[in-house]
Amino acid sequence: MKINTLQRYGLRAMIEISLYTDKEGIFQKDIATHQKLSNRYLDHIISRLKAAGLIKKYHGRRSGYILSRPAEDISVLDILKAFMHDIEIVDCIESEEVCEKTETCIAGKFWGELNEIIKDYLQNHTLKELSDKQLIVNKEVKNQSDQNP
């Protein structure tokens, strides 16, 4: 399993949106600017996040994006699943179509256990947790720039 750019940037976009949810949301162009993404690429990300029910427009067409539910109710796994069906580190974990030894293969069982550990880790870390950490980093960066004009 490799986390692709859609997933990585999708997580970054979600963190950015979560920082503005208590306000009137954040415009897509501002997400693109803050995250140094092209608007065109961000279109794909926003589309997937909306389809997954993770974000919505604050009020109508000319408004910013906000989270569809509280950040503490959105896991990193929820965000990654907006861009892929499921997390599987190897193809043979749950499909006898891929490997006929699925039921009897100890290596496959090992990969399956590791896959569950990864999914649990992603499920147990929330957008709120990451957003809180981002706020701390933003404050540290601002303090450093204020001290070194």
Protein backbone atom coordinates (compact mmCIF):
# COMPACT_ATOMS: atom_id res chain seq x y z
CA MET A 1 0.00 0.00 0.00
CA LYS A 2 1.26 3.40 -0.91
CA ILE A 3 -0.55 6.58 0.02
CA ASN A 4 -0.91 8.50 -3.24
CA THR A 5 -0.93 12.25 -3.81
CA LEU A 6 -4.72 12.47 -3.91
CA GLN A 7 -4.87 10.95 -0.44
CA ARG A 8 -1.99 13.01 0.96
CA TYR A 9 -3.32 16.26 -0.43
CA GLY A 10 -6.85 15.24 0.52
CA LEU A 11 -5.78 14.97 4.15
CA ARG A 12 -4.03 18.33 3.93
CA ALA A 13 -7.13 19.91 2.40
CA MET A 14 -9.31 18.45 5.15
CA ILE A 15 -7.00 19.86 7.83
CA GLU A 16 -7.17 23.25 6.11
CA ILE A 17 -10.97 23.13 5.89
CA SER A 18 -11.27 22.08 9.52
CA LEU A 19 -9.38 25.20 10.59
CA TYR A 20 -12.15 27.35 9.04
CA THR A 21 -15.27 25.32 9.87
CA ASP A 22 -16.29 27.44 12.87
CA LYS A 23 -16.28 30.47 10.59
CA GLU A 24 -17.88 30.75 7.16
CA GLY A 25 -15.68 28.13 5.60
CA ILE A 26 -12.72 28.49 3.29
CA PHE A 27 -12.75 29.09 -0.45
CA GLN A 28 -11.18 26.52 -2.73
CA LYS A 29 -8.76 29.11 -4.13
CA ASP A 30 -7.53 29.77 -0.57
CA ILE A 31 -7.02 26.06 0.10
CA ALA A 32 -5.03 25.87 -3.15
CA THR A 33 -2.91 28.86 -2.16
CA HIS A 34 -2.25 27.73 1.41
CA GLN A 35 -1.45 24.17 0.38
CA LYS A 36 0.42 25.13 -2.81
CA LEU A 37 -1.84 23.03 -5.02
CA SER A 38 -3.19 23.80 -8.46
CA ASN A 39 -6.88 24.66 -8.49
CA ARG A 40 -7.42 22.05 -11.18
CA TYR A 41 -5.90 19.25 -9.07
CA LEU A 42 -7.77 20.46 -6.03
CA ASP A 43 -11.02 20.15 -8.02
CA HIS A 44 -10.54 16.36 -8.04
CA ILE A 45 -9.82 16.31 -4.33
CA ILE A 46 -12.80 18.51 -3.41
CA SER A 47 -15.07 16.42 -5.63
CA ARG A 48 -14.09 13.21 -3.85
CA LEU A 49 -14.38 14.75 -0.38
CA LYS A 50 -17.87 16.05 -1.21
CA ALA A 51 -18.94 12.70 -2.67
CA ALA A 52 -17.74 10.96 0.50
CA GLY A 53 -19.90 13.33 2.55
CA LEU A 54 -16.94 14.82 4.40
CA ILE A 55 -17.34 18.46 3.30
CA LYS A 56 -20.07 20.77 2.02
CA LYS A 57 -20.54 24.39 0.99
CA TYR A 58 -21.28 26.78 3.85
CA HIS A 59 -24.11 28.62 2.03
CA GLY A 60 -24.66 28.16 -1.67
CA ARG A 61 -22.37 28.60 -4.63
CA ARG A 62 -20.33 31.61 -3.57
CA SER A 63 -19.29 30.40 -0.16
CA GLY A 64 -16.51 28.43 1.41
CA TYR A 65 -16.23 24.76 2.29
CA ILE A 66 -16.87 23.45 5.78
CA LEU A 67 -16.85 19.98 7.31
CA SER A 68 -20.08 18.01 7.06
CA ARG A 69 -19.65 16.75 10.61
CA PRO A 70 -17.42 17.59 13.58
CA ALA A 71 -13.68 17.03 13.09
CA GLU A 72 -13.61 14.67 16.08
CA ASP A 73 -16.05 12.41 14.19
CA ILE A 74 -13.86 12.16 11.08
CA SER A 75 -10.99 9.68 11.15
CA VAL A 76 -7.96 9.69 8.90
CA LEU A 77 -9.31 6.39 7.56
CA ASP A 78 -12.56 8.13 6.55
CA ILE A 79 -10.55 10.67 4.58
CA LEU A 80 -8.35 8.10 2.85
CA LYS A 81 -11.41 6.04 1.91
CA ALA A 82 -12.72 9.03 -0.04
CA PHE A 83 -9.98 8.21 -2.53
CA MET A 84 -9.92 4.41 -2.45
CA HIS A 85 -12.34 1.58 -1.74
CA ASP A 86 -10.44 0.08 1.16
CA ILE A 87 -6.99 -0.15 2.67
CA GLU A 88 -5.23 -3.36 1.66
CA ILE A 89 -1.47 -3.64 1.86
CA VAL A 90 -1.48 -6.72 -0.39
CA ASP A 91 -4.07 -7.88 -2.90
CA CYS A 92 -4.40 -11.42 -1.55
CA ILE A 93 -5.75 -10.56 1.89
CA GLU A 94 -9.41 -11.16 1.20
CA SER A 95 -9.69 -12.55 -2.27
CA GLU A 96 -9.39 -16.15 -3.38
CA GLU A 97 -9.57 -14.77 -6.92
CA VAL A 98 -6.09 -13.29 -6.40
CA CYS A 99 -4.59 -16.29 -4.59
CA GLU A 100 -5.97 -19.77 -4.09
CA LYS A 101 -4.06 -20.11 -0.80
CA THR A 102 -5.93 -17.28 0.95
CA GLU A 103 -7.42 -19.62 3.58
CA THR A 104 -4.22 -21.58 4.34
CA CYS A 105 -1.37 -19.12 3.80
CA ILE A 106 0.42 -18.02 6.98
CA ALA A 107 2.15 -15.16 5.14
CA GLY A 108 -1.25 -13.93 3.98
CA LYS A 109 -2.57 -14.09 7.55
CA PHE A 110 0.47 -12.08 8.70
CA TRP A 111 -0.25 -9.41 6.05
CA GLY A 112 -3.90 -9.41 7.08
CA GLU A 113 -3.00 -8.77 10.73
CA LEU A 114 -0.64 -5.94 9.73
CA ASN A 115 -3.38 -4.51 7.52
CA GLU A 116 -5.77 -4.44 10.50
CA ILE A 117 -3.16 -2.68 12.65
CA ILE A 118 -2.77 0.00 9.97
CA LYS A 119 -6.54 0.42 9.58
CA ASP A 120 -6.98 0.65 13.36
CA TYR A 121 -4.25 3.28 13.56
CA LEU A 122 -5.89 5.35 10.82
CA GLN A 123 -9.33 4.91 12.40
CA ASN A 124 -8.10 5.96 15.84
CA HIS A 125 -6.61 9.27 14.71
CA THR A 126 -9.09 12.04 14.02
CA LEU A 127 -9.11 15.16 11.94
CA LYS A 128 -9.57 17.14 15.17
CA GLU A 129 -6.31 15.74 16.54
CA LEU A 130 -4.41 16.68 13.39
CA SER A 131 -6.04 20.11 13.20
CA ASP A 132 -5.08 20.85 16.80
CA LYS A 133 -1.49 19.93 16.01
CA GLN A 134 -1.58 22.12 12.90
CA LEU A 135 -2.74 25.09 14.98
CA ILE A 136 0.24 24.61 17.32
CA VAL A 137 2.65 24.50 14.38
CA ASN A 138 1.02 27.61 12.84
CA LYS A 139 1.47 29.52 16.12
CA GLU A 140 5.12 28.44 16.40
CA VAL A 141 5.82 29.57 12.84
CA LYS A 142 4.06 32.90 13.44
CA ASN A 143 6.01 33.46 16.67
CA GLN A 144 9.29 32.76 14.89
CA SER A 145 8.46 35.12 12.05
CA ASP A 146 7.40 37.83 14.55
CA GLN A 147 10.75 37.50 16.33
CA ASN A 148 12.76 37.61 13.10
CA PRO A 149 11.27 40.41 10.98
